[in-house]
Amino acid sequence: AGGEPLIDPTHYKILELISPYANQIDLDYSTNLNIINYKGFDLNDIW
């Protein structure tokens, strides 16, 4: 949550740190979804 997590660099830092364990982790977002393409991050690919 935030703020708006989808435009927060810390959010993407956390996703990178937990990526080795991604298949065991569920993600849940509280978002306004006005921005889904932040600085080239491909959420579909990441998620």
All heavy atoms as atom14 arrays in JSON, in Angstrom:
{
  "sequence": "AGGEPLIDPTHYKILELISPYANQIDLDYSTNLNIINYKGFDLNDIW",
  "atom14_mask": [
    [1, 1, 1, 1, 1, 0, 0, 0, 0, 0, 0, 0, 0, 0],
    [1, 1, 1, 1, 0, 0, 0, 0, 0, 0, 0, 0, 0, 0],
    [1, 1, 1, 1, 0, 0, 0, 0, 0, 0, 0, 0, 0, 0],
    [1, 1, 1, 1, 1, 1, 1, 1, 1, 0, 0, 0, 0, 0],
    [1, 1, 1, 1, 1, 1, 1, 0, 0, 0, 0, 0, 0, 0],
    [1, 1, 1, 1, 1, 1, 1, 1, 0, 0, 0, 0, 0, 0],
    [1, 1, 1, 1, 1, 1, 1, 1, 0, 0, 0, 0, 0, 0],
    [1, 1, 1, 1, 1, 1, 1, 1, 0, 0, 0, 0, 0, 0],
    [1, 1, 1, 1, 1, 1, 1, 0, 0, 0, 0, 0, 0, 0],
    [1, 1, 1, 1, 1, 1, 1, 0, 0, 0, 0, 0, 0, 0],
    [1, 1, 1, 1, 1, 1, 1, 1, 1, 1, 0, 0, 0, 0],
    [1, 1, 1, 1, 1, 1, 1, 1, 1, 1, 1, 1, 0, 0],
    [1, 1, 1, 1, 1, 1, 1, 1, 1, 0, 0, 0, 0, 0],
    [1, 1, 1, 1, 1, 1, 1, 1, 0, 0, 0, 0, 0, 0],
    [1, 1, 1, 1, 1, 1, 1, 1, 0, 0, 0, 0, 0, 0],
    [1, 1, 1, 1, 1, 1, 1, 1, 1, 0, 0, 0, 0, 0],
    [1, 1, 1, 1, 1, 1, 1, 1, 0, 0, 0, 0, 0, 0],
    [1, 1, 1, 1, 1, 1, 1, 1, 0, 0, 0, 0, 0, 0],
    [1, 1, 1, 1, 1, 1, 0, 0, 0, 0, 0, 0, 0, 0],
    [1, 1, 1, 1, 1, 1, 1, 0, 0, 0, 0, 0, 0, 0],
    [1, 1, 1, 1, 1, 1, 1, 1, 1, 1, 1, 1, 0, 0],
    [1, 1, 1, 1, 1, 0, 0, 0, 0, 0, 0, 0, 0, 0],
    [1, 1, 1, 1, 1, 1, 1, 1, 0, 0, 0, 0, 0, 0],
    [1, 1, 1, 1, 1, 1, 1, 1, 1, 0, 0, 0, 0, 0],
    [1, 1, 1, 1, 1, 1, 1, 1, 0, 0, 0, 0, 0, 0],
    [1, 1, 1, 1, 1, 1, 1, 1, 0, 0, 0, 0, 0, 0],
    [1, 1, 1, 1, 1, 1, 1, 1, 0, 0, 0, 0, 0, 0],
    [1, 1, 1, 1, 1, 1, 1, 1, 0, 0, 0, 0, 0, 0],
    [1, 1, 1, 1, 1, 1, 1, 1, 1, 1, 1, 1, 0, 0],
    [1, 1, 1, 1, 1, 1, 0, 0, 0, 0, 0, 0, 0, 0],
    [1, 1, 1, 1, 1, 1, 1, 0, 0, 0, 0, 0, 0, 0],
    [1, 1, 1, 1, 1, 1, 1, 1, 0, 0, 0, 0, 0, 0],
    [1, 1, 1, 1, 1, 1, 1, 1, 0, 0, 0, 0, 0, 0],
    [1, 1, 1, 1, 1, 1, 1, 1, 0, 0, 0, 0, 0, 0],
    [1, 1, 1, 1, 1, 1, 1, 1, 0, 0, 0, 0, 0, 0],
    [1, 1, 1, 1, 1, 1, 1, 1, 0, 0, 0, 0, 0, 0],
    [1, 1, 1, 1, 1, 1, 1, 1, 0, 0, 0, 0, 0, 0],
    [1, 1, 1, 1, 1, 1, 1, 1, 1, 1, 1, 1, 0, 0],
    [1, 1, 1, 1, 1, 1, 1, 1, 1, 0, 0, 0, 0, 0],
    [1, 1, 1, 1, 0, 0, 0, 0, 0, 0, 0, 0, 0, 0],
    [1, 1, 1, 1, 1, 1, 1, 1, 1, 1, 1, 0, 0, 0],
    [1, 1, 1, 1, 1, 1, 1, 1, 0, 0, 0, 0, 0, 0],
    [1, 1, 1, 1, 1, 1, 1, 1, 0, 0, 0, 0, 0, 0],
    [1, 1, 1, 1, 1, 1, 1, 1, 0, 0, 0, 0, 0, 0],
    [1, 1, 1, 1, 1, 1, 1, 1, 0, 0, 0, 0, 0, 0],
    [1, 1, 1, 1, 1, 1, 1, 1, 0, 0, 0, 0, 0, 0],
    [1, 1, 1, 1, 1, 1, 1, 1, 1, 1, 1, 1, 1, 1]
  ],
  "atom14_positions": [
    [[0.87, -1.17, 0.0], [0.0, 0.0, 0.0], [0.91, 1.23, 0.0], [2.11, 1.13, -0.17], [-0.94, -0.02, 1.2], [0.0, 0.0, 0.0], [0.0, 0.0, 0.0], [0.0, 0.0, 0.0], [0.0, 0.0, 0.0], [0.0, 0.0, 0.0], [0.0, 0.0, 0.0], [0.0, 0.0, 0.0], [0.0, 0.0, 0.0], [0.0, 0.0, 0.0]],
    [[0.34, 2.38, 0.19], [1.16, 3.59, 0.14], [0.47, 4.73, 0.85], [-0.23, 4.52, 1.84], [0.0, 0.0, 0.0], [0.0, 0.0, 0.0], [0.0, 0.0, 0.0], [0.0, 0.0, 0.0], [0.0, 0.0, 0.0], [0.0, 0.0, 0.0], [0.0, 0.0, 0.0], [0.0, 0.0, 0.0], [0.0, 0.0, 0.0], [0.0, 0.0, 0.0]],
    [[0.57, 5.91, 0.18], [1.01, 6.19, -1.16], [0.43, 5.32, -2.25], [-0.57, 4.67, -2.12], [0.0, 0.0, 0.0], [0.0, 0.0, 0.0], [0.0, 0.0, 0.0], [0.0, 0.0, 0.0], [0.0, 0.0, 0.0], [0.0, 0.0, 0.0], [0.0, 0.0, 0.0], [0.0, 0.0, 0.0], [0.0, 0.0, 0.0], [0.0, 0.0, 0.0]],
    [[1.13, 5.35, -3.37], [0.78, 4.53, -4.52], [1.95, 3.61, -4.81], [2.97, 4.04, -5.35], [0.44, 5.4, -5.73], [0.26, 4.65, -7.03], [-0.67, 3.45, -6.89], [-1.78, 3.6, -6.33], [-0.28, 2.36, -7.35], [0.0, 0.0, 0.0], [0.0, 0.0, 0.0], [0.0, 0.0, 0.0], [0.0, 0.0, 0.0], [0.0, 0.0, 0.0]],
    [[1.81, 2.31, -4.48], [2.96, 1.4, -4.59], [3.48, 1.23, -6.01], [4.67, 0.98, -6.2], [2.41, 0.08, -4.03], [0.92, 0.21, -4.1], [0.63, 1.65, -3.9], [0.0, 0.0, 0.0], [0.0, 0.0, 0.0], [0.0, 0.0, 0.0], [0.0, 0.0, 0.0], [0.0, 0.0, 0.0], [0.0, 0.0, 0.0], [0.0, 0.0, 0.0]],
    [[2.62, 1.36, -7.01], [3.05, 1.07, -8.38], [3.97, 2.14, -8.96], [4.56, 1.94, -10.02], [1.84, 0.87, -9.29], [0.93, -0.31, -8.94], [-0.14, -0.49, -9.99], [1.73, -1.6, -8.79], [0.0, 0.0, 0.0], [0.0, 0.0, 0.0], [0.0, 0.0, 0.0], [0.0, 0.0, 0.0], [0.0, 0.0, 0.0], [0.0, 0.0, 0.0]],
    [[4.11, 3.28, -8.25], [5.08, 4.3, -8.71], [6.2, 4.48, -7.69], [6.97, 5.43, -7.78], [4.4, 5.66, -8.99], [3.82, 6.26, -7.7], [3.34, 5.52, -10.06], [3.4, 7.72, -7.84], [0.0, 0.0, 0.0], [0.0, 0.0, 0.0], [0.0, 0.0, 0.0], [0.0, 0.0, 0.0], [0.0, 0.0, 0.0], [0.0, 0.0, 0.0]],
    [[6.29, 3.56, -6.75], [7.29, 3.68, -5.68], [8.49, 2.79, -5.98], [8.35, 1.57, -6.09], [6.67, 3.28, -4.34], [7.51, 3.74, -3.16], [8.75, 3.59, -3.23], [6.94, 4.26, -2.2], [0.0, 0.0, 0.0], [0.0, 0.0, 0.0], [0.0, 0.0, 0.0], [0.0, 0.0, 0.0], [0.0, 0.0, 0.0], [0.0, 0.0, 0.0]],
    [[9.69, 3.37, -6.12], [10.88, 2.55, -6.41], [11.14, 1.47, -5.36], [11.68, 0.4, -5.69], [12.02, 3.58, -6.42], [11.37, 4.89, -6.7], [10.02, 4.8, -6.07], [0.0, 0.0, 0.0], [0.0, 0.0, 0.0], [0.0, 0.0, 0.0], [0.0, 0.0, 0.0], [0.0, 0.0, 0.0], [0.0, 0.0, 0.0], [0.0, 0.0, 0.0]],
    [[10.75, 1.73, -4.1], [10.97, 0.74, -3.05], [10.19, -0.53, -3.32], [10.64, -1.65, -3.01], [10.57, 1.33, -1.68], [11.2, 2.59, -1.5], [10.98, 0.4, -0.56], [0.0, 0.0, 0.0], [0.0, 0.0, 0.0], [0.0, 0.0, 0.0], [0.0, 0.0, 0.0], [0.0, 0.0, 0.0], [0.0, 0.0, 0.0], [0.0, 0.0, 0.0]],
    [[9.02, -0.39, -3.88], [8.19, -1.55, -4.24], [8.94, -2.47, -5.2], [8.98, -3.69, -5.03], [6.88, -1.06, -4.85], [6.19, -2.05, -5.74], [6.1, -1.88, -7.11], [5.58, -3.22, -5.46], [5.44, -2.89, -7.63], [5.11, -3.72, -6.67], [0.0, 0.0, 0.0], [0.0, 0.0, 0.0], [0.0, 0.0, 0.0], [0.0, 0.0, 0.0]],
    [[9.56, -1.89, -6.2], [10.28, -2.69, -7.19], [11.57, -3.27, -6.61], [12.01, -4.36, -7.0], [10.56, -1.86, -8.44], [9.27, -1.45, -9.14], [8.69, -0.22, -8.9], [8.63, -2.34, -9.99], [7.49, 0.13, -9.51], [7.42, -2.0, -10.59], [6.86, -0.77, -10.35], [5.67, -0.43, -10.94], [0.0, 0.0, 0.0], [0.0, 0.0, 0.0]],
    [[12.15, -2.58, -5.64], [13.33, -3.11, -4.94], [12.96, -4.36, -4.15], [13.69, -5.36, -4.16], [13.9, -2.04, -4.02], [15.17, -2.45, -3.29], [15.74, -1.29, -2.48], [17.02, -1.67, -1.77], [17.6, -0.5, -1.02], [0.0, 0.0, 0.0], [0.0, 0.0, 0.0], [0.0, 0.0, 0.0], [0.0, 0.0, 0.0], [0.0, 0.0, 0.0]],
    [[11.8, -4.32, -3.49], [11.35, -5.48, -2.73], [11.06, -6.65, -3.66], [11.43, -7.8, -3.38], [10.1, -5.12, -1.89], [10.5, -4.22, -0.72], [9.41, -6.38, -1.37], [9.33, -3.72, 0.11], [0.0, 0.0, 0.0], [0.0, 0.0, 0.0], [0.0, 0.0, 0.0], [0.0, 0.0, 0.0], [0.0, 0.0, 0.0], [0.0, 0.0, 0.0]],
    [[10.39, -6.39, -4.78], [10.09, -7.46, -5.72], [11.36, -8.13, -6.23], [11.4, -9.35, -6.42], [9.28, -6.92, -6.9], [7.86, -6.45, -6.61], [7.16, -6.04, -7.9], [7.05, -7.52, -5.89], [0.0, 0.0, 0.0], [0.0, 0.0, 0.0], [0.0, 0.0, 0.0], [0.0, 0.0, 0.0], [0.0, 0.0, 0.0], [0.0, 0.0, 0.0]],
    [[12.4, -7.34, -6.43], [13.67, -7.9, -6.89], [14.3, -8.78, -5.81], [14.8, -9.88, -6.09], [14.64, -6.78, -7.27], [15.97, -7.27, -7.81], [16.91, -6.14, -8.19], [16.51, -4.96, -8.07], [18.05, -6.44, -8.61], [0.0, 0.0, 0.0], [0.0, 0.0, 0.0], [0.0, 0.0, 0.0], [0.0, 0.0, 0.0], [0.0, 0.0, 0.0]],
    [[14.23, -8.33, -4.55], [14.83, -9.09, -3.46], [14.13, -10.42, -3.23], [14.76, -11.41, -2.84], [14.8, -8.26, -2.17], [15.83, -7.13, -2.05], [15.59, -6.33, -0.78], [17.25, -7.7, -2.05], [0.0, 0.0, 0.0], [0.0, 0.0, 0.0], [0.0, 0.0, 0.0], [0.0, 0.0, 0.0], [0.0, 0.0, 0.0], [0.0, 0.0, 0.0]],
    [[12.82, -10.46, -3.42], [12.08, -11.69, -3.15], [11.9, -12.55, -4.4], [11.3, -13.62, -4.33], [10.7, -11.39, -2.54], [9.83, -10.59, -3.51], [10.85, -10.66, -1.21], [8.42, -10.35, -3.01], [0.0, 0.0, 0.0], [0.0, 0.0, 0.0], [0.0, 0.0, 0.0], [0.0, 0.0, 0.0], [0.0, 0.0, 0.0], [0.0, 0.0, 0.0]],
    [[12.44, -12.11, -5.53], [12.24, -12.85, -6.78], [12.7, -14.31, -6.72], [12.07, -15.17, -7.35], [12.91, -12.12, -7.95], [14.31, -12.0, -7.74], [0.0, 0.0, 0.0], [0.0, 0.0, 0.0], [0.0, 0.0, 0.0], [0.0, 0.0, 0.0], [0.0, 0.0, 0.0], [0.0, 0.0, 0.0], [0.0, 0.0, 0.0], [0.0, 0.0, 0.0]],
    [[13.77, -14.65, -5.97], [14.14, -16.08, -5.9], [13.07, -16.96, -5.26], [13.08, -18.18, -5.44], [15.42, -16.08, -5.05], [15.97, -14.7, -5.19], [14.77, -13.82, -5.27], [0.0, 0.0, 0.0], [0.0, 0.0, 0.0], [0.0, 0.0, 0.0], [0.0, 0.0, 0.0], [0.0, 0.0, 0.0], [0.0, 0.0, 0.0], [0.0, 0.0, 0.0]],
    [[12.15, -16.35, -4.51], [11.11, -17.1, -3.79], [9.72, -16.78, -4.33], [8.71, -17.07, -3.69], [11.18, -16.78, -2.3], [12.6, -16.69, -1.78], [13.22, -15.45, -1.58], [13.34, -17.84, -1.55], [14.53, -15.37, -1.14], [14.66, -17.77, -1.11], [15.25, -16.52, -0.91], [16.56, -16.45, -0.48], [0.0, 0.0, 0.0], [0.0, 0.0, 0.0]],
    [[9.66, -16.18, -5.53], [8.42, -15.63, -6.07], [7.31, -16.68, -6.17], [6.14, -16.38, -5.89], [8.67, -15.0, -7.44], [0.0, 0.0, 0.0], [0.0, 0.0, 0.0], [0.0, 0.0, 0.0], [0.0, 0.0, 0.0], [0.0, 0.0, 0.0], [0.0, 0.0, 0.0], [0.0, 0.0, 0.0], [0.0, 0.0, 0.0], [0.0, 0.0, 0.0]],
    [[7.64, -17.9, -6.52], [6.59, -18.89, -6.75], [5.88, -19.33, -5.48], [4.86, -20.02, -5.54], [7.14, -20.11, -7.51], [8.22, -20.84, -6.73], [8.62, -20.42, -5.65], [8.7, -21.94, -7.3], [0.0, 0.0, 0.0], [0.0, 0.0, 0.0], [0.0, 0.0, 0.0], [0.0, 0.0, 0.0], [0.0, 0.0, 0.0], [0.0, 0.0, 0.0]],
    [[6.4, -18.94, -4.3], [5.74, -19.28, -3.04], [5.01, -18.08, -2.43], [4.37, -18.2, -1.38], [6.76, -19.79, -2.01], [7.67, -18.69, -1.45], [8.76, -19.2, -0.53], [9.29, -20.29, -0.74], [9.08, -18.43, 0.5], [0.0, 0.0, 0.0], [0.0, 0.0, 0.0], [0.0, 0.0, 0.0], [0.0, 0.0, 0.0], [0.0, 0.0, 0.0]],
    [[5.07, -16.92, -3.09], [4.57, -15.67, -2.49], [3.37, -15.13, -3.26], [3.39, -15.02, -4.48], [5.69, -14.61, -2.46], [6.86, -15.1, -1.6], [5.16, -13.29, -1.93], [8.06, -14.16, -1.61], [0.0, 0.0, 0.0], [0.0, 0.0, 0.0], [0.0, 0.0, 0.0], [0.0, 0.0, 0.0], [0.0, 0.0, 0.0], [0.0, 0.0, 0.0]],
    [[2.32, -14.8, -2.5], [1.16, -14.1, -3.04], [1.35, -12.59, -2.82], [1.81, -12.17, -1.75], [-0.12, -14.54, -2.34], [-0.38, -16.03, -2.5], [-0.28, -16.52, -3.64], [-0.68, -16.69, -1.49], [0.0, 0.0, 0.0], [0.0, 0.0, 0.0], [0.0, 0.0, 0.0], [0.0, 0.0, 0.0], [0.0, 0.0, 0.0], [0.0, 0.0, 0.0]],
    [[0.97, -11.8, -3.81], [1.03, -10.35, -3.71], [-0.37, -9.77, -3.69], [-1.26, -10.23, -4.42], [1.8, -9.75, -4.89], [3.23, -10.25, -5.14], [3.82, -9.55, -6.37], [4.11, -10.0, -3.92], [0.0, 0.0, 0.0], [0.0, 0.0, 0.0], [0.0, 0.0, 0.0], [0.0, 0.0, 0.0], [0.0, 0.0, 0.0], [0.0, 0.0, 0.0]],
    [[-0.56, -8.75, -2.86], [-1.85, -8.05, -2.81], [-1.57, -6.56, -2.79], [-0.72, -6.09, -2.02], [-2.64, -8.46, -1.57], [-4.1, -7.99, -1.64], [-4.31, -6.78, -1.72], [-5.0, -8.84, -1.63], [0.0, 0.0, 0.0], [0.0, 0.0, 0.0], [0.0, 0.0, 0.0], [0.0, 0.0, 0.0], [0.0, 0.0, 0.0], [0.0, 0.0, 0.0]],
    [[-2.28, -5.81, -3.63], [-2.04, -4.38, -3.77], [-3.28, -3.56, -3.45], [-4.4, -3.93, -3.84], [-1.64, -4.05, -5.22], [-0.28, -4.52, -5.63], [-0.08, -5.83, -6.06], [0.81, -3.67, -5.6], [1.17, -6.28, -6.45], [2.08, -4.11, -5.99], [2.25, -5.4, -6.41], [3.49, -5.83, -6.8], [0.0, 0.0, 0.0], [0.0, 0.0, 0.0]],
    [[-3.06, -2.45, -2.76], [-4.05, -1.38, -2.7], [-3.52, -0.28, -3.61], [-2.48, 0.32, -3.32], [-4.21, -0.86, -1.26], [-4.75, -1.85, -0.43], [0.0, 0.0, 0.0], [0.0, 0.0, 0.0], [0.0, 0.0, 0.0], [0.0, 0.0, 0.0], [0.0, 0.0, 0.0], [0.0, 0.0, 0.0], [0.0, 0.0, 0.0], [0.0, 0.0, 0.0]],
    [[-4.21, -0.03, -4.71], [-3.69, 0.85, -5.74], [-4.78, 1.66, -6.39], [-5.94, 1.23, -6.46], [-2.95, 0.03, -6.83], [-2.61, 0.88, -7.93], [-3.82, -1.11, -7.35], [0.0, 0.0, 0.0], [0.0, 0.0, 0.0], [0.0, 0.0, 0.0], [0.0, 0.0, 0.0], [0.0, 0.0, 0.0], [0.0, 0.0, 0.0], [0.0, 0.0, 0.0]],
    [[-4.42, 2.85, -6.89], [-5.38, 3.64, -7.66], [-5.33, 3.28, -9.14], [-6.19, 3.7, -9.91], [-5.18, 5.14, -7.45], [-3.81, 5.65, -7.89], [-3.4, 5.45, -9.04], [-3.11, 6.34, -6.99], [0.0, 0.0, 0.0], [0.0, 0.0, 0.0], [0.0, 0.0, 0.0], [0.0, 0.0, 0.0], [0.0, 0.0, 0.0], [0.0, 0.0, 0.0]],
    [[-4.33, 2.54, -9.57], [-4.18, 1.98, -10.91], [-4.25, 3.05, -12.02], [-4.62, 2.74, -13.14], [-5.23, 0.89, -11.18], [-4.81, -0.19, -12.2], [-3.7, -1.05, -11.66], [-6.0, -1.03, -12.62], [0.0, 0.0, 0.0], [0.0, 0.0, 0.0], [0.0, 0.0, 0.0], [0.0, 0.0, 0.0], [0.0, 0.0, 0.0], [0.0, 0.0, 0.0]],
    [[-3.88, 4.27, -11.7], [-3.83, 5.28, -12.76], [-2.55, 5.19, -13.57], [-2.48, 5.72, -14.69], [-3.98, 6.68, -12.16], [-5.42, 7.14, -12.06], [-5.8, 8.15, -12.63], [-6.23, 6.39, -11.33], [0.0, 0.0, 0.0], [0.0, 0.0, 0.0], [0.0, 0.0, 0.0], [0.0, 0.0, 0.0], [0.0, 0.0, 0.0], [0.0, 0.0, 0.0]],
    [[-1.53, 4.55, -13.01], [-0.25, 4.36, -13.71], [0.16, 2.9, -13.59], [0.32, 2.38, -12.49], [0.85, 5.26, -13.12], [0.49, 6.74, -13.29], [2.19, 4.96, -13.78], [1.48, 7.69, -12.63], [0.0, 0.0, 0.0], [0.0, 0.0, 0.0], [0.0, 0.0, 0.0], [0.0, 0.0, 0.0], [0.0, 0.0, 0.0], [0.0, 0.0, 0.0]],
    [[0.32, 2.23, -14.74], [0.74, 0.82, -14.7], [2.02, 0.59, -15.49], [2.5, -0.54, -15.56], [-0.37, -0.12, -15.21], [-0.81, 0.24, -16.63], [-1.56, -0.11, -14.27], [-1.8, -0.74, -17.22], [0.0, 0.0, 0.0], [0.0, 0.0, 0.0], [0.0, 0.0, 0.0], [0.0, 0.0, 0.0], [0.0, 0.0, 0.0], [0.0, 0.0, 0.0]],
    [[2.56, 1.62, -16.07], [3.84, 1.51, -16.78], [4.82, 2.49, -16.17], [4.96, 3.62, -16.63], [3.66, 1.78, -18.28], [2.79, 0.76, -18.96], [3.04, -0.43, -18.84], [1.75, 1.21, -19.64], [0.0, 0.0, 0.0], [0.0, 0.0, 0.0], [0.0, 0.0, 0.0], [0.0, 0.0, 0.0], [0.0, 0.0, 0.0], [0.0, 0.0, 0.0]],
    [[5.48, 2.07, -15.11], [6.39, 2.95, -14.38], [7.83, 2.67, -14.79], [8.35, 1.57, -14.57], [6.22, 2.75, -12.87], [7.2, 3.53, -12.03], [7.04, 4.9, -11.85], [8.28, 2.9, -11.43], [7.94, 5.62, -11.08], [9.19, 3.61, -10.67], [9.01, 4.97, -10.5], [9.92, 5.68, -9.74], [0.0, 0.0, 0.0], [0.0, 0.0, 0.0]],
    [[8.45, 3.65, -15.41], [9.87, 3.61, -15.77], [10.29, 2.3, -16.45], [11.35, 1.73, -16.16], [10.73, 3.86, -14.53], [10.59, 5.27, -13.98], [11.59, 5.55, -12.87], [11.48, 7.01, -12.41], [12.46, 7.33, -11.35], [0.0, 0.0, 0.0], [0.0, 0.0, 0.0], [0.0, 0.0, 0.0], [0.0, 0.0, 0.0], [0.0, 0.0, 0.0]],
    [[9.44, 1.82, -17.33], [9.79, 0.65, -18.12], [9.56, -0.69, -17.46], [9.82, -1.74, -18.07], [0.0, 0.0, 0.0], [0.0, 0.0, 0.0], [0.0, 0.0, 0.0], [0.0, 0.0, 0.0], [0.0, 0.0, 0.0], [0.0, 0.0, 0.0], [0.0, 0.0, 0.0], [0.0, 0.0, 0.0], [0.0, 0.0, 0.0], [0.0, 0.0, 0.0]],
    [[9.1, -0.71, -16.21], [8.81, -1.99, -15.55], [7.59, -2.64, -16.2], [6.55, -2.01, -16.36], [8.56, -1.79, -14.06], [9.8, -1.48, -13.26], [10.07, -0.19, -12.84], [10.69, -2.49, -12.94], [11.21, 0.1, -12.1], [11.84, -2.21, -12.2], [12.09, -0.92, -11.78], [0.0, 0.0, 0.0], [0.0, 0.0, 0.0], [0.0, 0.0, 0.0]],
    [[7.72, -3.9, -16.56], [6.62, -4.66, -17.16], [5.95, -5.48, -16.06], [6.42, -6.56, -15.69], [7.16, -5.57, -18.26], [6.05, -6.3, -19.02], [4.95, -6.45, -18.46], [6.3, -6.72, -20.16], [0.0, 0.0, 0.0], [0.0, 0.0, 0.0], [0.0, 0.0, 0.0], [0.0, 0.0, 0.0], [0.0, 0.0, 0.0], [0.0, 0.0, 0.0]],
    [[4.83, -4.97, -15.54], [4.18, -5.63, -14.42], [3.66, -7.0, -14.79], [3.68, -7.93, -13.97], [3.04, -4.75, -13.88], [3.48, -3.53, -13.07], [2.29, -2.64, -12.77], [4.17, -3.95, -11.78], [0.0, 0.0, 0.0], [0.0, 0.0, 0.0], [0.0, 0.0, 0.0], [0.0, 0.0, 0.0], [0.0, 0.0, 0.0], [0.0, 0.0, 0.0]],
    [[3.17, -7.15, -15.99], [2.68, -8.46, -16.41], [3.8, -9.5, -16.36], [3.62, -10.62, -15.87], [2.09, -8.38, -17.82], [1.36, -9.66, -18.2], [0.87, -10.4, -17.36], [1.29, -9.92, -19.5], [0.0, 0.0, 0.0], [0.0, 0.0, 0.0], [0.0, 0.0, 0.0], [0.0, 0.0, 0.0], [0.0, 0.0, 0.0], [0.0, 0.0, 0.0]],
    [[4.96, -9.12, -16.81], [6.11, -10.02, -16.8], [6.58, -10.31, -15.37], [6.89, -11.45, -15.02], [7.26, -9.41, -17.6], [8.48, -10.32, -17.63], [8.37, -11.46, -18.12], [9.55, -9.89, -17.15], [0.0, 0.0, 0.0], [0.0, 0.0, 0.0], [0.0, 0.0, 0.0], [0.0, 0.0, 0.0], [0.0, 0.0, 0.0], [0.0, 0.0, 0.0]],
    [[6.6, -9.25, -14.53], [7.05, -9.42, -13.14], [6.06, -10.26, -12.35], [6.44, -11.21, -11.65], [7.23, -8.04, -12.47], [8.37, -7.26, -13.13], [7.49, -8.2, -10.97], [8.47, -5.81, -12.67], [0.0, 0.0, 0.0], [0.0, 0.0, 0.0], [0.0, 0.0, 0.0], [0.0, 0.0, 0.0], [0.0, 0.0, 0.0], [0.0, 0.0, 0.0]],
    [[4.78, -9.94, -12.46], [3.77, -10.58, -11.62], [3.58, -12.06, -11.94], [3.23, -12.84, -11.05], [2.44, -9.84, -11.76], [2.4, -8.54, -11.0], [3.26, -8.15, -10.02], [1.45, -7.49, -11.16], [2.89, -6.9, -9.55], [1.79, -6.48, -10.22], [0.34, -7.29, -11.98], [1.06, -5.29, -10.1], [-0.39, -6.11, -11.86], [-0.03, -5.13, -10.93]]
  ]
}
